[in-house]
Amino acid sequence: MPSTSYLVAVLAIVFTITITLALRAVPFAVLGRLRGSAIVRRLAVWMPVGILAILAVTALHGTITTDPHGTWYALLAVAVTIGVHLAFGRRTILSVGAGTAVYVVLLNTL
């Protein structure tokens, strides 16, 4: 027969996992009811753009403060990213990949 402390530890782990899984499922259950909401539709449109903008500003700030020559490379890569994104049907992976490739090539060759 297992000791009492062992059983308490097992039960604590099981309850922790159960609570964690339940908390992770709650947003999906609530989102089903809110799918028709105007706020959720606006968030679905603007949140990805906002997150990418914050990421871009953070990355560019680090580049601009550490390497003055890299500033122009980063700005050119941003322009390529925007151009590819608008020209090829707003495919995020393609545009971010093209911008990253331009930046890496410019940084390593010039």
C-alpha atoms as a PDB file:
ATOM      1  CA  MET A   1       0.000   0.000   0.000  1.00  0.00           C
ATOM      2  CA  PRO A   2       1.430   3.408  -0.972  1.00  0.00           C
ATOM      3  CA  SER A   3       2.123   5.938   1.718  1.00  0.00           C
ATOM      4  CA  THR A   4      -0.210   8.826   2.433  1.00  0.00           C
ATOM      5  CA  SER A   5       2.275  11.437   1.212  1.00  0.00           C
ATOM      6  CA  TYR A   6       2.608   9.572  -2.082  1.00  0.00           C
ATOM      7  CA  LEU A   7      -1.172   9.540  -2.569  1.00  0.00           C
ATOM      8  CA  VAL A   8      -1.432  13.237  -1.705  1.00  0.00           C
ATOM      9  CA  ALA A   9       1.315  14.044  -4.207  1.00  0.00           C
ATOM     10  CA  VAL A  10      -0.393  12.029  -6.952  1.00  0.00           C
ATOM     11  CA  LEU A  11      -3.748  13.672  -6.253  1.00  0.00           C
ATOM     12  CA  ALA A  12      -2.147  17.145  -6.266  1.00  0.00           C
ATOM     13  CA  ILE A  13      -0.583  16.459  -9.650  1.00  0.00           C
ATOM     14  CA  VAL A  14      -3.838  15.092 -11.067  1.00  0.00           C
ATOM     15  CA  PHE A  15      -5.843  18.076  -9.797  1.00  0.00           C
ATOM     16  CA  THR A  16      -3.229  20.520 -11.116  1.00  0.00           C
ATOM     17  CA  ILE A  17      -3.320  18.926 -14.565  1.00  0.00           C
ATOM     18  CA  THR A  18      -7.121  18.856 -14.535  1.00  0.00           C
ATOM     19  CA  ILE A  19      -7.340  22.534 -13.573  1.00  0.00           C
ATOM     20  CA  THR A  20      -4.732  23.467 -16.187  1.00  0.00           C
ATOM     21  CA  LEU A  21      -6.586  21.634 -18.946  1.00  0.00           C
ATOM     22  CA  ALA A  22      -9.902  23.146 -17.856  1.00  0.00           C
ATOM     23  CA  LEU A  23      -8.446  26.670 -17.873  1.00  0.00           C
ATOM     24  CA  ARG A  24      -7.042  26.097 -21.334  1.00  0.00           C
ATOM     25  CA  ALA A  25     -10.430  24.895 -22.614  1.00  0.00           C
ATOM     26  CA  VAL A  26     -12.423  27.840 -21.217  1.00  0.00           C
ATOM     27  CA  PRO A  27     -11.430  30.379 -23.928  1.00  0.00           C
ATOM     28  CA  PHE A  28     -12.511  27.982 -26.669  1.00  0.00           C
ATOM     29  CA  ALA A  29     -15.845  27.338 -24.992  1.00  0.00           C
ATOM     30  CA  VAL A  30     -16.476  31.077 -24.524  1.00  0.00           C
ATOM     31  CA  LEU A  31     -15.290  31.975 -28.026  1.00  0.00           C
ATOM     32  CA  GLY A  32     -17.978  29.781 -29.560  1.00  0.00           C
ATOM     33  CA  ARG A  33     -20.628  32.006 -28.027  1.00  0.00           C
ATOM     34  CA  LEU A  34     -18.842  35.250 -28.880  1.00  0.00           C
ATOM     35  CA  ARG A  35     -18.052  34.416 -32.502  1.00  0.00           C
ATOM     36  CA  GLY A  36     -20.838  36.684 -33.760  1.00  0.00           C
ATOM     37  CA  SER A  37     -19.668  39.629 -31.665  1.00  0.00           C
ATOM     38  CA  ALA A  38     -18.408  42.762 -33.416  1.00  0.00           C
ATOM     39  CA  ILE A  39     -15.596  43.140 -30.887  1.00  0.00           C
ATOM     40  CA  VAL A  40     -14.280  39.635 -31.556  1.00  0.00           C
ATOM     41  CA  ARG A  41     -14.367  40.268 -35.313  1.00  0.00           C
ATOM     42  CA  ARG A  42     -12.376  43.502 -34.855  1.00  0.00           C
ATOM     43  CA  LEU A  43      -9.879  41.775 -32.609  1.00  0.00           C
ATOM     44  CA  ALA A  44      -9.468  39.001 -35.186  1.00  0.00           C
ATOM     45  CA  VAL A  45      -8.536  41.619 -37.776  1.00  0.00           C
ATOM     46  CA  TRP A  46      -6.359  43.950 -35.728  1.00  0.00           C
ATOM     47  CA  MET A  47      -4.616  41.756 -33.152  1.00  0.00           C
ATOM     48  CA  PRO A  48      -2.285  39.956 -35.601  1.00  0.00           C
ATOM     49  CA  VAL A  49      -1.317  43.294 -37.135  1.00  0.00           C
ATOM     50  CA  GLY A  50      -0.694  44.802 -33.702  1.00  0.00           C
ATOM     51  CA  ILE A  51       1.392  41.865 -32.545  1.00  0.00           C
ATOM     52  CA  LEU A  52       3.503  41.950 -35.715  1.00  0.00           C
ATOM     53  CA  ALA A  53       3.924  45.726 -35.369  1.00  0.00           C
ATOM     54  CA  ILE A  54       5.159  45.366 -31.788  1.00  0.00           C
ATOM     55  CA  LEU A  55       7.533  42.600 -32.852  1.00  0.00           C
ATOM     56  CA  ALA A  56       8.846  44.688 -35.761  1.00  0.00           C
ATOM     57  CA  VAL A  57       9.372  47.793 -33.619  1.00  0.00           C
ATOM     58  CA  THR A  58      11.199  45.766 -30.981  1.00  0.00           C
ATOM     59  CA  ALA A  59      13.448  44.100 -33.559  1.00  0.00           C
ATOM     60  CA  LEU A  60      14.143  47.336 -35.424  1.00  0.00           C
ATOM     61  CA  HIS A  61      14.913  49.192 -32.194  1.00  0.00           C
ATOM     62  CA  GLY A  62      17.567  46.628 -31.355  1.00  0.00           C
ATOM     63  CA  THR A  63      19.046  46.868 -34.858  1.00  0.00           C
ATOM     64  CA  ILE A  64      19.027  50.660 -34.993  1.00  0.00           C
ATOM     65  CA  THR A  65      20.679  51.106 -31.599  1.00  0.00           C
ATOM     66  CA  THR A  66      23.463  48.565 -32.194  1.00  0.00           C
ATOM     67  CA  ASP A  67      24.382  48.942 -35.879  1.00  0.00           C
ATOM     68  CA  PRO A  68      23.903  52.190 -37.820  1.00  0.00           C
ATOM     69  CA  HIS A  69      24.576  50.490 -41.191  1.00  0.00           C
ATOM     70  CA  GLY A  70      22.092  47.766 -40.358  1.00  0.00           C
ATOM     71  CA  THR A  71      19.381  50.407 -40.041  1.00  0.00           C
ATOM     72  CA  TRP A  72      19.168  50.869 -43.798  1.00  0.00           C
ATOM     73  CA  TYR A  73      19.237  47.131 -44.353  1.00  0.00           C
ATOM     74  CA  ALA A  74      16.410  46.668 -41.853  1.00  0.00           C
ATOM     75  CA  LEU A  75      14.311  49.423 -43.410  1.00  0.00           C
ATOM     76  CA  LEU A  76      14.841  47.938 -46.880  1.00  0.00           C
ATOM     77  CA  ALA A  77      13.850  44.509 -45.550  1.00  0.00           C
ATOM     78  CA  VAL A  78      10.698  46.019 -44.018  1.00  0.00           C
ATOM     79  CA  ALA A  79       9.864  47.606 -47.387  1.00  0.00           C
ATOM     80  CA  VAL A  80      10.370  44.256 -49.134  1.00  0.00           C
ATOM     81  CA  THR A  81       8.193  42.533 -46.520  1.00  0.00           C
ATOM     82  CA  ILE A  82       5.387  45.037 -47.038  1.00  0.00           C
ATOM     83  CA  GLY A  83       5.712  44.870 -50.828  1.00  0.00           C
ATOM     84  CA  VAL A  84       5.656  41.076 -50.956  1.00  0.00           C
ATOM     85  CA  HIS A  85       2.774  40.978 -48.485  1.00  0.00           C
ATOM     86  CA  LEU A  86       0.654  43.279 -50.613  1.00  0.00           C
ATOM     87  CA  ALA A  87       1.721  41.886 -53.986  1.00  0.00           C
ATOM     88  CA  PHE A  88       1.278  38.173 -53.283  1.00  0.00           C
ATOM     89  CA  GLY A  89      -2.111  37.968 -51.618  1.00  0.00           C
ATOM     90  CA  ARG A  90      -1.210  38.837 -48.016  1.00  0.00           C
ATOM     91  CA  ARG A  91       0.657  35.618 -47.331  1.00  0.00           C
ATOM     92  CA  THR A  92       2.381  36.299 -44.032  1.00  0.00           C
ATOM     93  CA  ILE A  93       4.874  33.438 -44.150  1.00  0.00           C
ATOM     94  CA  LEU A  94       5.989  34.390 -47.652  1.00  0.00           C
ATOM     95  CA  SER A  95       6.357  38.088 -46.864  1.00  0.00           C
ATOM     96  CA  VAL A  96       8.174  37.597 -43.551  1.00  0.00           C
ATOM     97  CA  GLY A  97      10.433  34.982 -45.154  1.00  0.00           C
ATOM     98  CA  ALA A  98      11.298  37.283 -48.070  1.00  0.00           C
ATOM     99  CA  GLY A  99      11.995  40.227 -45.763  1.00  0.00           C
ATOM    100  CA  THR A 100      14.154  38.094 -43.492  1.00  0.00           C
ATOM    101  CA  ALA A 101      16.080  36.692 -46.448  1.00  0.00           C
ATOM    102  CA  VAL A 102      16.728  40.195 -47.831  1.00  0.00           C
ATOM    103  CA  TYR A 103      17.938  41.397 -44.451  1.00  0.00           C
ATOM    104  CA  VAL A 104      20.257  38.429 -43.906  1.00  0.00           C
ATOM    105  CA  VAL A 105      21.698  38.673 -47.427  1.00  0.00           C
ATOM    106  CA  LEU A 106      22.283  42.427 -47.099  1.00  0.00           C
ATOM    107  CA  LEU A 107      23.805  42.091 -43.659  1.00  0.00           C
ATOM    108  CA  ASN A 108      26.191  39.315 -44.687  1.00  0.00           C
ATOM    109  CA  THR A 109      27.237  40.603 -48.116  1.00  0.00           C
ATOM    110  CA  LEU A 110      27.562  44.349 -47.626  1.00  0.00           C
END
